[in-house]
């Protein structure tokens, strides 16, 4: 089921968070694609970071799997 995020107020937020230092960001990946598939890398990184922030587990996802599942444009042209 879907979880609902509570509304955030700025009084509970720190002034600065470095998500790289916190472990919520994986290393930069080489796209190896020349067909406008950056959307897949962005989607994977977004899901990885969100999952880490919620669970504390860094599960690295495959951008290639996102690309392979796009049957309409074969992963190219924005997915």
PDB file of N, CA and C in Angstrom:
ATOM      1  N   UNK A   1       0.834  -1.185   0.000  1.00  0.00           N
ATOM      2  CA  UNK A   1       0.000   0.000   0.000  1.00  0.00           C
ATOM      3  C   UNK A   1       0.883   1.256   0.000  1.00  0.00           C
ATOM      4  N   UNK A   2       0.284   2.344  -0.336  1.00  0.00           N
ATOM      5  CA  UNK A   2       1.017   3.601  -0.383  1.00  0.00           C
ATOM      6  C   UNK A   2       1.136   4.204   1.009  1.00  0.00           C
ATOM      7  N   UNK A   3       2.302   4.741   1.306  1.00  0.00           N
ATOM      8  CA  UNK A   3       2.495   5.455   2.556  1.00  0.00           C
ATOM      9  C   UNK A   3       2.296   6.942   2.291  1.00  0.00           C
ATOM     10  N   UNK A   4       1.714   7.620   3.233  1.00  0.00           N
ATOM     11  CA  UNK A   4       1.517   9.057   3.094  1.00  0.00           C
ATOM     12  C   UNK A   4       2.625   9.766   3.854  1.00  0.00           C
ATOM     13  N   UNK A   5       3.261  10.697   3.180  1.00  0.00           N
ATOM     14  CA  UNK A   5       4.310  11.477   3.824  1.00  0.00           C
ATOM     15  C   UNK A   5       3.671  12.608   4.620  1.00  0.00           C
ATOM     16  N   UNK A   6       4.122  12.783   5.827  1.00  0.00           N
ATOM     17  CA  UNK A   6       3.615  13.884   6.657  1.00  0.00           C
ATOM     18  C   UNK A   6       4.124  15.200   6.074  1.00  0.00           C
ATOM     19  N   UNK A   7       3.365  16.231   6.240  1.00  0.00           N
ATOM     20  CA  UNK A   7       3.820  17.555   5.798  1.00  0.00           C
ATOM     21  C   UNK A   7       5.018  17.974   6.640  1.00  0.00           C
ATOM     22  N   UNK A   8       6.010  18.477   5.964  1.00  0.00           N
ATOM     23  CA  UNK A   8       7.218  18.915   6.654  1.00  0.00           C
ATOM     24  C   UNK A   8       7.137  20.397   6.969  1.00  0.00           C
ATOM     25  N   UNK A   9       7.683  20.764   8.086  1.00  0.00           N
ATOM     26  CA  UNK A   9       7.818  22.177   8.412  1.00  0.00           C
ATOM     27  C   UNK A   9       9.309  22.472   8.515  1.00  0.00           C
ATOM     28  N   UNK A  10       9.692  23.679   8.221  1.00  0.00           N
ATOM     29  CA  UNK A  10      11.104  24.024   8.210  1.00  0.00           C
ATOM     30  C   UNK A  10      11.713  24.058   9.612  1.00  0.00           C
ATOM     31  N   UNK A  11      10.908  24.086  10.648  1.00  0.00           N
ATOM     32  CA  UNK A  11      11.468  24.145  11.988  1.00  0.00           C
ATOM     33  C   UNK A  11      12.133  22.825  12.399  1.00  0.00           C
ATOM     34  N   UNK A  12      11.835  21.730  11.705  1.00  0.00           N
ATOM     35  CA  UNK A  12      12.432  20.441  12.022  1.00  0.00           C
ATOM     36  C   UNK A  12      13.512  20.020  11.031  1.00  0.00           C
ATOM     37  N   UNK A  13      13.817  20.860  10.073  1.00  0.00           N
ATOM     38  CA  UNK A  13      14.800  20.513   9.057  1.00  0.00           C
ATOM     39  C   UNK A  13      16.156  21.120   9.382  1.00  0.00           C
ATOM     40  N   UNK A  14      17.226  20.366   9.149  1.00  0.00           N
ATOM     41  CA  UNK A  14      18.558  20.932   9.356  1.00  0.00           C
ATOM     42  C   UNK A  14      18.852  21.978   8.277  1.00  0.00           C
ATOM     43  N   UNK A  15      19.822  22.830   8.558  1.00  0.00           N
ATOM     44  CA  UNK A  15      20.205  23.857   7.587  1.00  0.00           C
ATOM     45  C   UNK A  15      20.895  23.254   6.373  1.00  0.00           C
ATOM     46  N   UNK A  16      21.525  22.084   6.547  1.00  0.00           N
ATOM     47  CA  UNK A  16      22.338  21.515   5.480  1.00  0.00           C
ATOM     48  C   UNK A  16      22.341  19.993   5.593  1.00  0.00           C
ATOM     49  N   UNK A  17      22.170  19.310   4.486  1.00  0.00           N
ATOM     50  CA  UNK A  17      22.317  17.863   4.423  1.00  0.00           C
ATOM     51  C   UNK A  17      23.144  17.534   3.189  1.00  0.00           C
ATOM     52  N   UNK A  18      24.209  16.768   3.372  1.00  0.00           N
ATOM     53  CA  UNK A  18      24.997  16.284   2.246  1.00  0.00           C
ATOM     54  C   UNK A  18      24.615  14.822   2.059  1.00  0.00           C
ATOM     55  N   UNK A  19      23.758  14.550   1.083  1.00  0.00           N
ATOM     56  CA  UNK A  19      23.247  13.198   0.896  1.00  0.00           C
ATOM     57  C   UNK A  19      24.341  12.232   0.467  1.00  0.00           C
ATOM     58  N   UNK A  20      25.391  12.736  -0.170  1.00  0.00           N
ATOM     59  CA  UNK A  20      26.522  11.881  -0.517  1.00  0.00           C
ATOM     60  C   UNK A  20      27.198  11.368   0.750  1.00  0.00           C
ATOM     61  N   UNK A  21      27.455  12.277   1.712  1.00  0.00           N
ATOM     62  CA  UNK A  21      28.056  11.875   2.984  1.00  0.00           C
ATOM     63  C   UNK A  21      27.122  10.981   3.792  1.00  0.00           C
ATOM     64  N   UNK A  22      25.821  11.163   3.641  1.00  0.00           N
ATOM     65  CA  UNK A  22      24.840  10.364   4.374  1.00  0.00           C
ATOM     66  C   UNK A  22      24.667   8.969   3.774  1.00  0.00           C
ATOM     67  N   UNK A  23      25.198   8.762   2.567  1.00  0.00           N
ATOM     68  CA  UNK A  23      25.104   7.447   1.936  1.00  0.00           C
ATOM     69  C   UNK A  23      23.886   7.238   1.074  1.00  0.00           C
ATOM     70  N   UNK A  24      23.129   8.289   0.802  1.00  0.00           N
ATOM     71  CA  UNK A  24      21.897   8.157   0.031  1.00  0.00           C
ATOM     72  C   UNK A  24      22.100   8.363  -1.458  1.00  0.00           C
ATOM     73  N   UNK A  25      23.356   8.497  -1.893  1.00  0.00           N
ATOM     74  CA  UNK A  25      23.659   8.723  -3.299  1.00  0.00           C
ATOM     75  C   UNK A  25      24.728   7.724  -3.721  1.00  0.00           C
ATOM     76  N   UNK A  26      24.507   7.053  -4.837  1.00  0.00           N
ATOM     77  CA  UNK A  26      25.503   6.122  -5.348  1.00  0.00           C
ATOM     78  C   UNK A  26      26.509   6.874  -6.218  1.00  0.00           C
ATOM     79  N   UNK A  27      27.550   6.185  -6.589  1.00  0.00           N
ATOM     80  CA  UNK A  27      28.587   6.776  -7.441  1.00  0.00           C
ATOM     81  C   UNK A  27      28.005   7.161  -8.800  1.00  0.00           C
ATOM     82  N   UNK A  28      28.649   8.115  -9.447  1.00  0.00           N
ATOM     83  CA  UNK A  28      28.241   8.537 -10.786  1.00  0.00           C
ATOM     84  C   UNK A  28      28.431   7.362 -11.732  1.00  0.00           C
ATOM     85  N   UNK A  29      27.450   7.141 -12.591  1.00  0.00           N
ATOM     86  CA  UNK A  29      27.500   6.029 -13.528  1.00  0.00           C
ATOM     87  C   UNK A  29      27.709   6.544 -14.942  1.00  0.00           C
ATOM     88  N   UNK A  30      28.440   5.778 -15.740  1.00  0.00           N
ATOM     89  CA  UNK A  30      28.633   6.095 -17.153  1.00  0.00           C
ATOM     90  C   UNK A  30      27.414   5.593 -17.906  1.00  0.00           C
ATOM     91  N   UNK A  31      26.761   6.457 -18.631  1.00  0.00           N
ATOM     92  CA  UNK A  31      25.499   6.096 -19.285  1.00  0.00           C
ATOM     93  C   UNK A  31      25.673   5.102 -20.420  1.00  0.00           C
ATOM     94  N   UNK A  32      26.755   5.137 -21.135  1.00  0.00           N
ATOM     95  CA  UNK A  32      27.032   4.217 -22.244  1.00  0.00           C
ATOM     96  C   UNK A  32      25.972   4.253 -23.335  1.00  0.00           C
ATOM     97  N   UNK A  33      25.000   5.118 -23.230  1.00  0.00           N
ATOM     98  CA  UNK A  33      23.944   5.189 -24.241  1.00  0.00           C
ATOM     99  C   UNK A  33      23.986   6.568 -24.891  1.00  0.00           C
ATOM    100  N   UNK A  34      23.677   6.584 -26.133  1.00  0.00           N
ATOM    101  CA  UNK A  34      23.663   7.842 -26.873  1.00  0.00           C
ATOM    102  C   UNK A  34      22.285   8.076 -27.483  1.00  0.00           C
ATOM    103  N   UNK A  35      21.262   7.721 -26.735  1.00  0.00           N
ATOM    104  CA  UNK A  35      19.921   7.802 -27.318  1.00  0.00           C
ATOM    105  C   UNK A  35      18.928   8.476 -26.372  1.00  0.00           C
ATOM    106  N   UNK A  36      19.371   9.429 -25.594  1.00  0.00           N
ATOM    107  CA  UNK A  36      18.485  10.163 -24.689  1.00  0.00           C
ATOM    108  C   UNK A  36      17.869   9.252 -23.629  1.00  0.00           C
ATOM    109  N   UNK A  37      18.698   8.410 -23.012  1.00  0.00           N
ATOM    110  CA  UNK A  37      18.200   7.508 -21.974  1.00  0.00           C
ATOM    111  C   UNK A  37      18.581   7.975 -20.572  1.00  0.00           C
ATOM    112  N   UNK A  38      18.991   9.231 -20.436  1.00  0.00           N
ATOM    113  CA  UNK A  38      19.355   9.755 -19.117  1.00  0.00           C
ATOM    114  C   UNK A  38      18.179   9.662 -18.152  1.00  0.00           C
ATOM    115  N   UNK A  39      16.962   9.653 -18.659  1.00  0.00           N
ATOM    116  CA  UNK A  39      15.774   9.517 -17.816  1.00  0.00           C
ATOM    117  C   UNK A  39      15.862   8.252 -16.961  1.00  0.00           C
ATOM    118  N   UNK A  40      16.396   7.177 -17.516  1.00  0.00           N
ATOM    119  CA  UNK A  40      16.461   5.903 -16.797  1.00  0.00           C
ATOM    120  C   UNK A  40      17.433   5.992 -15.623  1.00  0.00           C
ATOM    121  N   UNK A  41      18.552   6.666 -15.827  1.00  0.00           N
ATOM    122  CA  UNK A  41      19.535   6.837 -14.753  1.00  0.00           C
ATOM    123  C   UNK A  41      18.975   7.731 -13.652  1.00  0.00           C
ATOM    124  N   UNK A  42      18.254   8.763 -14.063  1.00  0.00           N
ATOM    125  CA  UNK A  42      17.634   9.667 -13.096  1.00  0.00           C
ATOM    126  C   UNK A  42      16.565   8.945 -12.285  1.00  0.00           C
ATOM    127  N   UNK A  43      15.748   8.156 -12.953  1.00  0.00           N
ATOM    128  CA  UNK A  43      14.707   7.403 -12.256  1.00  0.00           C
ATOM    129  C   UNK A  43      15.310   6.424 -11.263  1.00  0.00           C
ATOM    130  N   UNK A  44      16.335   5.702 -11.676  1.00  0.00           N
ATOM    131  CA  UNK A  44      16.984   4.728 -10.787  1.00  0.00           C
ATOM    132  C   UNK A  44      17.586   5.424  -9.573  1.00  0.00           C
ATOM    133  N   UNK A  45      18.303   6.522  -9.791  1.00  0.00           N
ATOM    134  CA  UNK A  45      18.939   7.242  -8.689  1.00  0.00           C
ATOM    135  C   UNK A  45      17.908   7.812  -7.716  1.00  0.00           C
ATOM    136  N   UNK A  46      16.802   8.295  -8.237  1.00  0.00           N
ATOM    137  CA  UNK A  46      15.750   8.843  -7.390  1.00  0.00           C
ATOM    138  C   UNK A  46      15.145   7.760  -6.499  1.00  0.00           C
ATOM    139  N   UNK A  47      14.865   6.617  -7.079  1.00  0.00           N
ATOM    140  CA  UNK A  47      14.292   5.512  -6.306  1.00  0.00           C
ATOM    141  C   UNK A  47      15.301   4.986  -5.292  1.00  0.00           C
ATOM    142  N   UNK A  48      16.570   4.866  -5.686  1.00  0.00           N
ATOM    143  CA  UNK A  48      17.623   4.414  -4.766  1.00  0.00           C
ATOM    144  C   UNK A  48      17.706   5.333  -3.554  1.00  0.00           C
ATOM    145  N   UNK A  49      17.758   6.630  -3.803  1.00  0.00           N
ATOM    146  CA  UNK A  49      17.876   7.602  -2.716  1.00  0.00           C
ATOM    147  C   UNK A  49      16.684   7.596  -1.794  1.00  0.00           C
ATOM    148  N   UNK A  50      15.495   7.558  -2.368  1.00  0.00           N
ATOM    149  CA  UNK A  50      14.277   7.539  -1.557  1.00  0.00           C
ATOM    150  C   UNK A  50      14.224   6.274  -0.704  1.00  0.00           C
ATOM    151  N   UNK A  51      14.560   5.142  -1.298  1.00  0.00           N
ATOM    152  CA  UNK A  51      14.538   3.881  -0.566  1.00  0.00           C
ATOM    153  C   UNK A  51      15.547   3.903   0.587  1.00  0.00           C
ATOM    154  N   UNK A  52      16.742   4.472   0.326  1.00  0.00           N
ATOM    155  CA  UNK A  52      17.759   4.563   1.375  1.00  0.00           C
ATOM    156  C   UNK A  52      17.290   5.458   2.528  1.00  0.00           C
ATOM    157  N   UNK A  53      16.729   6.599   2.193  1.00  0.00           N
ATOM    158  CA  UNK A  53      16.274   7.540   3.227  1.00  0.00           C
ATOM    159  C   UNK A  53      15.186   6.897   4.086  1.00  0.00           C
ATOM    160  N   UNK A  54      14.302   6.115   3.475  1.00  0.00           N
ATOM    161  CA  UNK A  54      13.211   5.497   4.234  1.00  0.00           C
ATOM    162  C   UNK A  54      13.632   4.243   4.995  1.00  0.00           C
ATOM    163  N   UNK A  55      14.619   3.482   4.463  1.00  0.00           N
ATOM    164  CA  UNK A  55      14.941   2.186   5.070  1.00  0.00           C
ATOM    165  C   UNK A  55      16.349   2.078   5.627  1.00  0.00           C
ATOM    166  N   UNK A  56      17.267   2.950   5.167  1.00  0.00           N
ATOM    167  CA  UNK A  56      18.672   2.819   5.553  1.00  0.00           C
ATOM    168  C   UNK A  56      19.414   1.777   4.739  1.00  0.00           C
ATOM    169  N   UNK A  57      18.762   1.230   3.714  1.00  0.00           N
ATOM    170  CA  UNK A  57      19.366   0.211   2.853  1.00  0.00           C
ATOM    171  C   UNK A  57      19.636   0.822   1.482  1.00  0.00           C
ATOM    172  N   UNK A  58      20.893   0.722   1.012  1.00  0.00           N
ATOM    173  CA  UNK A  58      21.218   1.210  -0.326  1.00  0.00           C
ATOM    174  C   UNK A  58      21.168   0.027  -1.283  1.00  0.00           C
ATOM    175  N   UNK A  59      20.140  -0.004  -2.097  1.00  0.00           N
ATOM    176  CA  UNK A  59      19.958  -1.058  -3.082  1.00  0.00           C
ATOM    177  C   UNK A  59      20.165  -0.422  -4.451  1.00  0.00           C
ATOM    178  N   UNK A  60      21.264  -0.739  -5.107  1.00  0.00           N
ATOM    179  CA  UNK A  60      21.598  -0.130  -6.394  1.00  0.00           C
ATOM    180  C   UNK A  60      20.753  -0.790  -7.488  1.00  0.00           C
ATOM    181  N   UNK A  61      20.036   0.036  -8.229  1.00  0.00           N
ATOM    182  CA  UNK A  61      19.150  -0.445  -9.281  1.00  0.00           C
ATOM    183  C   UNK A  61      19.839  -0.398 -10.633  1.00  0.00           C
ATOM    184  N   UNK A  62      19.330  -1.172 -11.568  1.00  0.00           N
ATOM    185  CA  UNK A  62      19.874  -1.231 -12.915  1.00  0.00           C
ATOM    186  C   UNK A  62      19.119  -0.284 -13.841  1.00  0.00           C
ATOM    187  N   UNK A  63      19.811   0.737 -14.324  1.00  0.00           N
ATOM    188  CA  UNK A  63      19.201   1.638 -15.304  1.00  0.00           C
ATOM    189  C   UNK A  63      18.873   0.878 -16.576  1.00  0.00           C
ATOM    190  N   UNK A  64      19.684  -0.114 -16.897  1.00  0.00           N
ATOM    191  CA  UNK A  64      19.465  -0.893 -18.111  1.00  0.00           C
ATOM    192  C   UNK A  64      18.114  -1.604 -18.071  1.00  0.00           C
ATOM    193  N   UNK A  65      17.685  -2.037 -16.896  1.00  0.00           N
ATOM    194  CA  UNK A  65      16.380  -2.681 -16.800  1.00  0.00           C
ATOM    195  C   UNK A  65      15.246  -1.707 -17.099  1.00  0.00           C
ATOM    196  N   UNK A  66      15.393  -0.457 -16.666  1.00  0.00           N
ATOM    197  CA  UNK A  66      14.396   0.566 -17.012  1.00  0.00           C
ATOM    198  C   UNK A  66      14.345   0.724 -18.532  1.00  0.00           C
ATOM    199  N   UNK A  67      15.520   0.823 -19.136  1.00  0.00           N
ATOM    200  CA  UNK A  67      15.609   1.024 -20.590  1.00  0.00           C
ATOM    201  C   UNK A  67      15.001  -0.168 -21.325  1.00  0.00           C
ATOM    202  N   UNK A  68      15.329  -1.373 -20.876  1.00  0.00           N
ATOM    203  CA  UNK A  68      14.826  -2.578 -21.535  1.00  0.00           C
ATOM    204  C   UNK A  68      13.308  -2.705 -21.456  1.00  0.00           C
ATOM    205  N   UNK A  69      12.709  -2.153 -20.418  1.00  0.00           N
ATOM    206  CA  UNK A  69      11.250  -2.258 -20.253  1.00  0.00           C
ATOM    207  C   UNK A  69      10.472  -1.249 -21.097  1.00  0.00           C
ATOM    208  N   UNK A  70      11.168  -0.282 -21.664  1.00  0.00           N
ATOM    209  CA  UNK A  70      10.506   0.731 -22.472  1.00  0.00           C
ATOM    210  C   UNK A  70      10.369   0.213 -23.904  1.00  0.00           C
ATOM    211  N   UNK A  71       9.234  -0.378 -24.204  1.00  0.00           N
ATOM    212  CA  UNK A  71       9.015  -0.962 -25.520  1.00  0.00           C
ATOM    213  C   UNK A  71       8.625   0.060 -26.573  1.00  0.00           C
ATOM    214  N   UNK A  72       8.083   1.203 -26.140  1.00  0.00           N
ATOM    215  CA  UNK A  72       7.618   2.197 -27.093  1.00  0.00           C
ATOM    216  C   UNK A  72       8.770   2.868 -27.831  1.00  0.00           C
ATOM    217  N   UNK A  73       9.798   3.314 -27.101  1.00  0.00           N
ATOM    218  CA  UNK A  73      10.915   3.999 -27.763  1.00  0.00           C
ATOM    219  C   UNK A  73      12.238   3.285 -27.530  1.00  0.00           C
ATOM    220  N   UNK A  74      12.167   2.029 -27.089  1.00  0.00           N
ATOM    221  CA  UNK A  74      13.368   1.225 -26.836  1.00  0.00           C
ATOM    222  C   UNK A  74      14.338   1.922 -25.887  1.00  0.00           C
ATOM    223  N   UNK A  75      13.795   2.651 -24.942  1.00  0.00           N
ATOM    224  CA  UNK A  75      14.607   3.330 -23.937  1.00  0.00           C
ATOM    225  C   UNK A  75      15.128   4.673 -24.373  1.00  0.00           C
ATOM    226  N   UNK A  76      14.947   4.999 -25.629  1.00  0.00           N
ATOM    227  CA  UNK A  76      15.468   6.255 -26.171  1.00  0.00           C
ATOM    228  C   UNK A  76      14.372   7.319 -26.206  1.00  0.00           C
ATOM    229  N   UNK A  77      14.758   8.516 -26.481  1.00  0.00           N
ATOM    230  CA  UNK A  77      13.826   9.627 -26.669  1.00  0.00           C
ATOM    231  C   UNK A  77      13.007   9.946 -25.425  1.00  0.00           C
ATOM    232  N   UNK A  78      13.636   9.833 -24.278  1.00  0.00           N
ATOM    233  CA  UNK A  78      12.979  10.230 -23.044  1.00  0.00           C
ATOM    234  C   UNK A  78      12.136   9.151 -22.379  1.00  0.00           C
ATOM    235  N   UNK A  79      12.215   7.946 -22.863  1.00  0.00           N
ATOM    236  CA  UNK A  79      11.511   6.823 -22.221  1.00  0.00           C
ATOM    237  C   UNK A  79      10.056   6.734 -22.570  1.00  0.00           C
TER     238      UNK A  79
END
